[in-house]
Amino acid sequence: MKKKQRSSTIADDFARAVGRGLRRAAKDARKTARQHGTPIYIWQDGKVVALKP
């Protein structure tokens, strides 16, 4: 018989997957900005700041 996973384990796995997806999306965004020479906008010290890639 299979052992049931606790809901917290499922939530933890989901949170890890979301984190990986966000890091991957950020990496792709930086790569695209470098290719096109466009700035990257981030939130820094309570302000939106444009950074050159």
PDB file of N, CA and C in Angstrom:
ATOM      1  N   MET A   1       0.824  -1.167   0.000  1.00  0.00           N
ATOM      2  CA  MET A   1       0.000   0.000   0.000  1.00  0.00           C
ATOM      3  C   MET A   1       0.881   1.247   0.000  1.00  0.00           C
ATOM      4  N   LYS A   2       0.483   2.234  -0.786  1.00  0.00           N
ATOM      5  CA  LYS A   2       1.234   3.480  -0.835  1.00  0.00           C
ATOM      6  C   LYS A   2       0.972   4.311   0.398  1.00  0.00           C
ATOM      7  N   LYS A   3       2.000   4.992   0.833  1.00  0.00           N
ATOM      8  CA  LYS A   3       1.871   5.883   1.970  1.00  0.00           C
ATOM      9  C   LYS A   3       1.380   7.241   1.473  1.00  0.00           C
ATOM     10  N   LYS A   4       0.381   7.804   2.120  1.00  0.00           N
ATOM     11  CA  LYS A   4      -0.138   9.108   1.715  1.00  0.00           C
ATOM     12  C   LYS A   4       0.820  10.209   2.145  1.00  0.00           C
ATOM     13  N   GLN A   5       0.969  11.212   1.262  1.00  0.00           N
ATOM     14  CA  GLN A   5       1.798  12.351   1.617  1.00  0.00           C
ATOM     15  C   GLN A   5       0.984  13.320   2.458  1.00  0.00           C
ATOM     16  N   ARG A   6       1.663  13.926   3.401  1.00  0.00           N
ATOM     17  CA  ARG A   6       0.993  14.951   4.188  1.00  0.00           C
ATOM     18  C   ARG A   6       0.821  16.187   3.322  1.00  0.00           C
ATOM     19  N   SER A   7      -0.201  16.972   3.609  1.00  0.00           N
ATOM     20  CA  SER A   7      -0.454  18.164   2.800  1.00  0.00           C
ATOM     21  C   SER A   7       0.685  19.162   2.915  1.00  0.00           C
ATOM     22  N   SER A   8       1.376  19.209   4.055  1.00  0.00           N
ATOM     23  CA  SER A   8       2.493  20.139   4.191  1.00  0.00           C
ATOM     24  C   SER A   8       3.636  19.742   3.259  1.00  0.00           C
ATOM     25  N   THR A   9       3.831  18.459   3.051  1.00  0.00           N
ATOM     26  CA  THR A   9       4.877  18.005   2.140  1.00  0.00           C
ATOM     27  C   THR A   9       4.529  18.405   0.709  1.00  0.00           C
ATOM     28  N   ILE A  10       3.289  18.261   0.350  1.00  0.00           N
ATOM     29  CA  ILE A  10       2.850  18.655  -0.987  1.00  0.00           C
ATOM     30  C   ILE A  10       3.013  20.160  -1.163  1.00  0.00           C
ATOM     31  N   ALA A  11       2.654  20.931  -0.144  1.00  0.00           N
ATOM     32  CA  ALA A  11       2.795  22.387  -0.208  1.00  0.00           C
ATOM     33  C   ALA A  11       4.267  22.778  -0.304  1.00  0.00           C
ATOM     34  N   ASP A  12       5.135  22.077   0.434  1.00  0.00           N
ATOM     35  CA  ASP A  12       6.568  22.359   0.368  1.00  0.00           C
ATOM     36  C   ASP A  12       7.118  22.067  -1.018  1.00  0.00           C
ATOM     37  N   ASP A  13       6.711  20.963  -1.607  1.00  0.00           N
ATOM     38  CA  ASP A  13       7.149  20.618  -2.956  1.00  0.00           C
ATOM     39  C   ASP A  13       6.683  21.670  -3.951  1.00  0.00           C
ATOM     40  N   PHE A  14       5.450  22.114  -3.791  1.00  0.00           N
ATOM     41  CA  PHE A  14       4.905  23.142  -4.683  1.00  0.00           C
ATOM     42  C   PHE A  14       5.687  24.439  -4.540  1.00  0.00           C
ATOM     43  N   ALA A  15       5.974  24.839  -3.308  1.00  0.00           N
ATOM     44  CA  ALA A  15       6.719  26.078  -3.067  1.00  0.00           C
ATOM     45  C   ALA A  15       8.117  25.999  -3.685  1.00  0.00           C
ATOM     46  N   ARG A  16       8.771  24.849  -3.562  1.00  0.00           N
ATOM     47  CA  ARG A  16      10.087  24.683  -4.175  1.00  0.00           C
ATOM     48  C   ARG A  16      10.002  24.796  -5.699  1.00  0.00           C
ATOM     49  N   ALA A  17       8.978  24.200  -6.275  1.00  0.00           N
ATOM     50  CA  ALA A  17       8.806  24.250  -7.732  1.00  0.00           C
ATOM     51  C   ALA A  17       8.547  25.683  -8.196  1.00  0.00           C
ATOM     52  N   VAL A  18       7.760  26.416  -7.443  1.00  0.00           N
ATOM     53  CA  VAL A  18       7.487  27.819  -7.784  1.00  0.00           C
ATOM     54  C   VAL A  18       8.779  28.630  -7.711  1.00  0.00           C
ATOM     55  N   GLY A  19       9.574  28.407  -6.677  1.00  0.00           N
ATOM     56  CA  GLY A  19      10.853  29.109  -6.544  1.00  0.00           C
ATOM     57  C   GLY A  19      11.778  28.837  -7.713  1.00  0.00           C
ATOM     58  N   ARG A  20      11.857  27.561  -8.110  1.00  0.00           N
ATOM     59  CA  ARG A  20      12.692  27.206  -9.266  1.00  0.00           C
ATOM     60  C   ARG A  20      12.184  27.901 -10.527  1.00  0.00           C
ATOM     61  N   GLY A  21      10.869  27.936 -10.691  1.00  0.00           N
ATOM     62  CA  GLY A  21      10.292  28.575 -11.872  1.00  0.00           C
ATOM     63  C   GLY A  21      10.567  30.072 -11.918  1.00  0.00           C
ATOM     64  N   LEU A  22      10.485  30.728 -10.764  1.00  0.00           N
ATOM     65  CA  LEU A  22      10.762  32.166 -10.711  1.00  0.00           C
ATOM     66  C   LEU A  22      12.231  32.463 -11.004  1.00  0.00           C
ATOM     67  N   ARG A  23      13.139  31.640 -10.464  1.00  0.00           N
ATOM     68  CA  ARG A  23      14.564  31.841 -10.753  1.00  0.00           C
ATOM     69  C   ARG A  23      14.850  31.625 -12.233  1.00  0.00           C
ATOM     70  N   ARG A  24      14.217  30.621 -12.810  1.00  0.00           N
ATOM     71  CA  ARG A  24      14.417  30.352 -14.243  1.00  0.00           C
ATOM     72  C   ARG A  24      13.872  31.497 -15.098  1.00  0.00           C
ATOM     73  N   ALA A  25      12.716  32.020 -14.739  1.00  0.00           N
ATOM     74  CA  ALA A  25      12.122  33.135 -15.488  1.00  0.00           C
ATOM     75  C   ALA A  25      13.002  34.376 -15.390  1.00  0.00           C
ATOM     76  N   ALA A  26      13.564  34.641 -14.203  1.00  0.00           N
ATOM     77  CA  ALA A  26      14.444  35.796 -14.033  1.00  0.00           C
ATOM     78  C   ALA A  26      15.703  35.641 -14.879  1.00  0.00           C
ATOM     79  N   LYS A  27      16.246  34.433 -14.910  1.00  0.00           N
ATOM     80  CA  LYS A  27      17.442  34.169 -15.714  1.00  0.00           C
ATOM     81  C   LYS A  27      17.150  34.403 -17.198  1.00  0.00           C
ATOM     82  N   ASP A  28      16.018  33.919 -17.663  1.00  0.00           N
ATOM     83  CA  ASP A  28      15.628  34.120 -19.058  1.00  0.00           C
ATOM     84  C   ASP A  28      15.402  35.597 -19.367  1.00  0.00           C
ATOM     85  N   ALA A  29      14.816  36.333 -18.424  1.00  0.00           N
ATOM     86  CA  ALA A  29      14.570  37.766 -18.621  1.00  0.00           C
ATOM     87  C   ALA A  29      15.892  38.526 -18.729  1.00  0.00           C
ATOM     88  N   ARG A  30      16.872  38.183 -17.881  1.00  0.00           N
ATOM     89  CA  ARG A  30      18.182  38.837 -17.965  1.00  0.00           C
ATOM     90  C   ARG A  30      18.872  38.519 -19.291  1.00  0.00           C
ATOM     91  N   LYS A  31      18.743  37.285 -19.746  1.00  0.00           N
ATOM     92  CA  LYS A  31      19.349  36.876 -21.018  1.00  0.00           C
ATOM     93  C   LYS A  31      18.731  37.654 -22.183  1.00  0.00           C
ATOM     94  N   THR A  32      17.420  37.766 -22.188  1.00  0.00           N
ATOM     95  CA  THR A  32      16.719  38.493 -23.249  1.00  0.00           C
ATOM     96  C   THR A  32      17.086  39.976 -23.221  1.00  0.00           C
ATOM     97  N   ALA A  33      17.181  40.559 -22.035  1.00  0.00           N
ATOM     98  CA  ALA A  33      17.552  41.972 -21.918  1.00  0.00           C
ATOM     99  C   ALA A  33      18.966  42.204 -22.450  1.00  0.00           C
ATOM    100  N   ARG A  34      19.884  41.292 -22.157  1.00  0.00           N
ATOM    101  CA  ARG A  34      21.250  41.419 -22.685  1.00  0.00           C
ATOM    102  C   ARG A  34      21.259  41.344 -24.206  1.00  0.00           C
ATOM    103  N   GLN A  35      20.478  40.441 -24.777  1.00  0.00           N
ATOM    104  CA  GLN A  35      20.444  40.263 -26.232  1.00  0.00           C
ATOM    105  C   GLN A  35      19.925  41.511 -26.935  1.00  0.00           C
ATOM    106  N   HIS A  36      18.972  42.185 -26.308  1.00  0.00           N
ATOM    107  CA  HIS A  36      18.338  43.337 -26.948  1.00  0.00           C
ATOM    108  C   HIS A  36      18.836  44.673 -26.421  1.00  0.00           C
ATOM    109  N   GLY A  37      19.698  44.639 -25.419  1.00  0.00           N
ATOM    110  CA  GLY A  37      20.261  45.877 -24.882  1.00  0.00           C
ATOM    111  C   GLY A  37      19.253  46.729 -24.123  1.00  0.00           C
ATOM    112  N   THR A  38      18.277  46.105 -23.521  1.00  0.00           N
ATOM    113  CA  THR A  38      17.268  46.839 -22.767  1.00  0.00           C
ATOM    114  C   THR A  38      17.544  46.723 -21.267  1.00  0.00           C
ATOM    115  N   PRO A  39      17.132  47.718 -20.488  1.00  0.00           N
ATOM    116  CA  PRO A  39      17.370  47.645 -19.045  1.00  0.00           C
ATOM    117  C   PRO A  39      16.427  46.656 -18.359  1.00  0.00           C
ATOM    118  N   ILE A  40      16.846  46.244 -17.180  1.00  0.00           N
ATOM    119  CA  ILE A  40      16.031  45.374 -16.340  1.00  0.00           C
ATOM    120  C   ILE A  40      15.518  46.237 -15.196  1.00  0.00           C
ATOM    121  N   TYR A  41      14.235  46.217 -14.944  1.00  0.00           N
ATOM    122  CA  TYR A  41      13.643  47.009 -13.872  1.00  0.00           C
ATOM    123  C   TYR A  41      13.438  46.130 -12.649  1.00  0.00           C
ATOM    124  N   ILE A  42      13.973  46.590 -11.516  1.00  0.00           N
ATOM    125  CA  ILE A  42      13.839  45.850 -10.267  1.00  0.00           C
ATOM    126  C   ILE A  42      13.388  46.797  -9.166  1.00  0.00           C
ATOM    127  N   TRP A  43      12.899  46.224  -8.075  1.00  0.00           N
ATOM    128  CA  TRP A  43      12.509  46.984  -6.897  1.00  0.00           C
ATOM    129  C   TRP A  43      13.704  46.981  -5.954  1.00  0.00           C
ATOM    130  N   GLN A  44      14.241  48.192  -5.633  1.00  0.00           N
ATOM    131  CA  GLN A  44      15.422  48.286  -4.796  1.00  0.00           C
ATOM    132  C   GLN A  44      15.279  49.478  -3.850  1.00  0.00           C
ATOM    133  N   ASP A  45      15.380  49.237  -2.574  1.00  0.00           N
ATOM    134  CA  ASP A  45      15.294  50.286  -1.546  1.00  0.00           C
ATOM    135  C   ASP A  45      13.998  51.094  -1.667  1.00  0.00           C
ATOM    136  N   GLY A  46      12.902  50.428  -1.951  1.00  0.00           N
ATOM    137  CA  GLY A  46      11.602  51.090  -2.011  1.00  0.00           C
ATOM    138  C   GLY A  46      11.342  51.855  -3.298  1.00  0.00           C
ATOM    139  N   LYS A  47      12.188  51.680  -4.293  1.00  0.00           N
ATOM    140  CA  LYS A  47      12.018  52.372  -5.580  1.00  0.00           C
ATOM    141  C   LYS A  47      12.207  51.387  -6.717  1.00  0.00           C
ATOM    142  N   VAL A  48      11.636  51.723  -7.868  1.00  0.00           N
ATOM    143  CA  VAL A  48      11.857  50.931  -9.073  1.00  0.00           C
ATOM    144  C   VAL A  48      13.102  51.508  -9.752  1.00  0.00           C
ATOM    145  N   VAL A  49      14.062  50.621 -10.030  1.00  0.00           N
ATOM    146  CA  VAL A  49      15.358  51.051 -10.578  1.00  0.00           C
ATOM    147  C   VAL A  49      15.617  50.288 -11.868  1.00  0.00           C
ATOM    148  N   ALA A  50      16.125  51.001 -12.886  1.00  0.00           N
ATOM    149  CA  ALA A  50      16.499  50.370 -14.144  1.00  0.00           C
ATOM    150  C   ALA A  50      17.987  50.010 -14.078  1.00  0.00           C
ATOM    151  N   LEU A  51      18.303  48.755 -14.314  1.00  0.00           N
ATOM    152  CA  LEU A  51      19.688  48.298 -14.335  1.00  0.00           C
ATOM    153  C   LEU A  51      20.065  47.851 -15.731  1.00  0.00           C
ATOM    154  N   LYS A  52      21.299  48.160 -16.107  1.00  0.00           N
ATOM    155  CA  LYS A  52      21.786  47.676 -17.393  1.00  0.00           C
ATOM    156  C   LYS A  52      22.260  46.248 -17.209  1.00  0.00           C
ATOM    157  N   PRO A  53      21.875  45.357 -18.117  1.00  0.00           N
ATOM    158  CA  PRO A  53      22.254  43.945 -17.965  1.00  0.00           C
ATOM    159  C   PRO A  53      23.731  43.684 -18.174  1.00  0.00           C
TER     160      PRO A  53
END
